[in-house]
Amino acid sequence: MALSIRNELTQLIDAFTLHNESSDRALYIPYDSQWPSPCYLNSAKEGELVPWRPQRQDESLHQALSFKNVEDALEITLNADFCQLFTEFFSNNLPVTAEHGACELLQVWNEEDFERLQQNLIGHLLMKKRLKQEPTLFFALTDEDDFVLSVLNSTGEVVLEQVGRPPKKVISPSLPEFIATLRP
């Protein structure tokens, strides 16, 4: 059976949450009333540390949280696994360990953050088009300056790329397979 983003991401988030709750690295973030999220477990005074947890997105949001406007504007069909990665959970970015080292899996904190992700993705895709490079879809930061992990849109492969350059190397045959290897 093929791996799915939903299953692999759910398993990763469960492991991430358990790992952080059972260690000295409990999940806390400064409270910001101007940046609301279902991830806050309670409210507090501005800037006060509050516990947070990734929260599955409500099914009713799946119409609102869609990359269709990006696809229509750029006349491109985006990789379905990439799109699903950002429409399963609201979460802060997840620091994780991959086979090749540390990385930070991008996530969206709220609906406004999803819009910001779309704007950044449009800018990235327009840059790729201007440079006459194959479209890639960034989804994680690495500990190397200017290097990101992306999905090669045409194949679904996970690639390492330096911003503004063609992909450097293939890391995984697919996004679900890559996520399956991540550890908190």
Protein backbone atom coordinates (compact mmCIF):
# COMPACT_ATOMS: atom_id res chain seq x y z
CA MET A 1 0.00 0.00 0.00
CA ALA A 2 1.30 3.46 -0.92
CA LEU A 3 2.12 5.86 1.87
CA SER A 4 -0.17 8.85 2.32
CA ILE A 5 0.57 12.36 3.52
CA ARG A 6 -2.32 12.18 5.98
CA ASN A 7 -1.05 9.03 7.68
CA GLU A 8 2.64 9.93 7.66
CA LEU A 9 2.07 13.49 8.86
CA THR A 10 -0.31 12.31 11.60
CA GLN A 11 2.28 9.78 12.79
CA LEU A 12 5.04 12.40 12.73
CA ILE A 13 2.95 14.95 14.64
CA ASP A 14 1.93 12.33 17.21
CA ALA A 15 5.60 11.37 17.70
CA PHE A 16 6.66 15.03 17.79
CA THR A 17 4.05 15.90 20.41
CA LEU A 18 4.82 12.84 22.56
CA HIS A 19 8.57 13.47 22.31
CA ASN A 20 8.23 17.08 23.40
CA GLU A 21 5.70 16.40 26.16
CA SER A 22 7.87 13.65 27.64
CA SER A 23 11.04 15.74 27.64
CA ASP A 24 12.15 19.08 28.93
CA ARG A 25 11.14 20.60 25.59
CA ALA A 26 7.44 21.11 26.26
CA LEU A 27 5.70 22.98 23.46
CA TYR A 28 5.38 26.64 24.47
CA ILE A 29 5.15 29.76 22.36
CA PRO A 30 4.65 33.46 23.16
CA TYR A 31 0.96 34.35 23.04
CA ASP A 32 0.00 36.81 20.31
CA SER A 33 -3.64 37.91 20.20
CA GLN A 34 -3.00 39.40 16.73
CA TRP A 35 -1.91 35.97 15.43
CA PRO A 36 -4.75 33.68 16.60
CA SER A 37 -4.59 29.94 16.14
CA PRO A 38 -6.47 26.86 17.29
CA CYS A 39 -3.02 25.59 18.34
CA TYR A 40 -2.99 27.76 21.48
CA LEU A 41 -4.19 25.61 24.37
CA ASN A 42 -5.16 28.70 26.36
CA SER A 43 -4.98 32.47 26.11
CA ALA A 44 -2.66 34.68 28.12
CA LYS A 45 -1.21 38.15 28.29
CA GLU A 46 0.65 39.33 25.19
CA GLY A 47 4.06 37.68 24.94
CA GLU A 48 3.45 35.27 27.81
CA LEU A 49 4.48 31.70 27.07
CA VAL A 50 1.50 29.40 26.51
CA PRO A 51 1.32 25.72 25.62
CA TRP A 52 0.45 24.83 22.05
CA ARG A 53 -0.20 21.64 20.09
CA PRO A 54 -0.69 20.92 16.39
CA GLN A 55 -4.42 20.76 15.62
CA ARG A 56 -6.07 18.92 12.75
CA GLN A 57 -7.77 21.38 10.42
CA ASP A 58 -11.53 21.26 10.37
CA GLU A 59 -12.88 19.56 7.23
CA SER A 60 -15.03 22.65 6.57
CA LEU A 61 -11.84 24.67 5.95
CA HIS A 62 -10.66 22.44 3.10
CA GLN A 63 -12.52 24.60 0.58
CA ALA A 64 -10.99 27.80 1.98
CA LEU A 65 -7.50 26.34 2.42
CA SER A 66 -6.79 25.37 -1.13
CA PHE A 67 -4.02 26.06 -3.61
CA LYS A 68 -6.56 26.35 -6.47
CA ASN A 69 -6.08 30.13 -6.71
CA VAL A 70 -2.30 29.61 -7.10
CA GLU A 71 -2.88 26.95 -9.75
CA ASP A 72 -5.35 29.15 -11.63
CA ALA A 73 -3.17 32.26 -11.45
CA LEU A 74 -0.02 30.48 -12.64
CA GLU A 75 -1.73 27.97 -14.92
CA ILE A 76 -0.06 25.04 -13.18
CA THR A 77 -1.26 21.92 -11.39
CA LEU A 78 0.53 21.59 -8.07
CA ASN A 79 1.66 18.25 -6.66
CA ALA A 80 -1.24 16.85 -4.61
CA ASP A 81 0.99 15.61 -1.77
CA PHE A 82 2.51 19.07 -1.38
CA CYS A 83 -0.96 20.65 -1.23
CA GLN A 84 -2.17 18.13 1.32
CA LEU A 85 0.86 18.75 3.56
CA PHE A 86 -0.50 22.21 4.37
CA THR A 87 -4.20 21.34 4.59
CA GLU A 88 -4.13 18.67 7.31
CA PHE A 89 -2.97 20.51 10.44
CA PHE A 90 -2.50 23.94 11.89
CA SER A 91 0.87 23.93 13.60
CA ASN A 92 3.99 25.88 14.26
CA ASN A 93 6.91 24.73 12.09
CA LEU A 94 8.26 21.36 13.21
CA PRO A 95 11.99 20.97 13.91
CA VAL A 96 12.77 17.40 12.94
CA THR A 97 15.69 15.20 11.97
CA ALA A 98 15.99 13.71 8.51
CA GLU A 99 18.47 11.13 7.28
CA HIS A 100 20.72 13.92 5.97
CA GLY A 101 20.46 16.18 9.04
CA ALA A 102 18.22 18.64 10.82
CA CYS A 103 15.42 20.44 9.04
CA GLU A 104 12.31 22.43 9.85
CA LEU A 105 9.09 21.18 8.30
CA LEU A 106 7.01 24.22 7.37
CA GLN A 107 3.43 24.31 8.60
CA VAL A 108 0.68 26.92 8.77
CA TRP A 109 -0.38 28.46 12.08
CA ASN A 110 -3.72 29.85 10.91
CA GLU A 111 -5.63 30.82 7.76
CA GLU A 112 -3.66 34.06 7.35
CA ASP A 113 -0.42 32.08 7.53
CA PHE A 114 -1.76 29.83 4.76
CA GLU A 115 -2.32 32.95 2.61
CA ARG A 116 1.24 34.07 3.35
CA LEU A 117 2.55 30.64 2.32
CA GLN A 118 0.64 30.95 -0.97
CA GLN A 119 2.14 34.39 -1.64
CA ASN A 120 5.66 33.10 -0.96
CA LEU A 121 5.01 30.08 -3.18
CA ILE A 122 3.80 32.31 -6.03
CA GLY A 123 6.96 34.40 -5.72
CA HIS A 124 9.09 31.24 -5.73
CA LEU A 125 7.33 29.79 -8.78
CA LEU A 126 7.58 33.07 -10.69
CA MET A 127 11.31 33.18 -9.93
CA LYS A 128 11.69 29.60 -11.19
CA LYS A 129 9.82 30.52 -14.37
CA ARG A 130 11.95 33.64 -14.92
CA LEU A 131 15.11 31.56 -14.47
CA LYS A 132 13.71 28.93 -16.88
CA GLN A 133 13.94 26.25 -14.18
CA GLU A 134 11.57 23.41 -13.46
CA PRO A 135 8.91 24.30 -10.85
CA THR A 136 9.70 23.24 -7.30
CA LEU A 137 7.54 23.60 -4.20
CA PHE A 138 9.46 24.38 -1.00
CA PHE A 139 8.26 22.74 2.21
CA ALA A 140 11.21 22.65 4.64
CA LEU A 141 14.20 24.68 5.73
CA THR A 142 17.60 23.08 6.24
CA ASP A 143 20.41 24.03 8.57
CA GLU A 144 22.43 25.11 5.52
CA ASP A 145 22.03 28.77 4.50
CA ASP A 146 19.94 29.27 1.35
CA PHE A 147 19.12 25.56 0.99
CA VAL A 148 15.55 24.31 1.17
CA LEU A 149 13.81 21.01 0.67
CA SER A 150 11.28 21.08 -2.14
CA VAL A 151 9.00 18.83 -4.12
CA LEU A 152 9.88 18.63 -7.81
CA ASN A 153 6.41 19.41 -9.12
CA SER A 154 6.62 17.22 -12.22
CA THR A 155 7.73 14.01 -10.44
CA GLY A 156 6.82 14.45 -6.77
CA GLU A 157 10.42 13.73 -5.75
CA VAL A 158 11.85 15.51 -2.71
CA VAL A 159 14.91 17.52 -3.69
CA LEU A 160 17.54 19.66 -2.01
CA GLU A 161 17.90 23.01 -3.71
CA GLN A 162 19.71 26.24 -3.17
CA VAL A 163 17.33 29.16 -3.57
CA GLY A 164 17.50 30.43 -7.16
CA ARG A 165 19.29 27.36 -8.48
CA PRO A 166 18.13 24.08 -9.99
CA PRO A 167 17.74 21.18 -7.51
CA LYS A 168 21.05 19.84 -6.29
CA LYS A 169 20.02 16.24 -5.55
CA VAL A 170 17.05 13.94 -5.03
CA ILE A 171 16.53 13.11 -1.35
CA SER A 172 13.44 10.88 -1.57
CA PRO A 173 11.15 9.48 -4.28
CA SER A 174 8.07 11.14 -2.71
CA LEU A 175 6.92 13.48 0.04
CA PRO A 176 5.08 10.77 2.03
CA GLU A 177 8.19 8.58 1.91
CA PHE A 178 10.33 11.48 3.07
CA ILE A 179 7.99 12.35 5.95
CA ALA A 180 7.99 8.69 7.01
CA THR A 181 11.75 9.00 7.69
CA LEU A 182 11.53 12.13 9.85
CA ARG A 183 12.08 11.98 13.59
CA PRO A 184 11.36 14.56 16.31
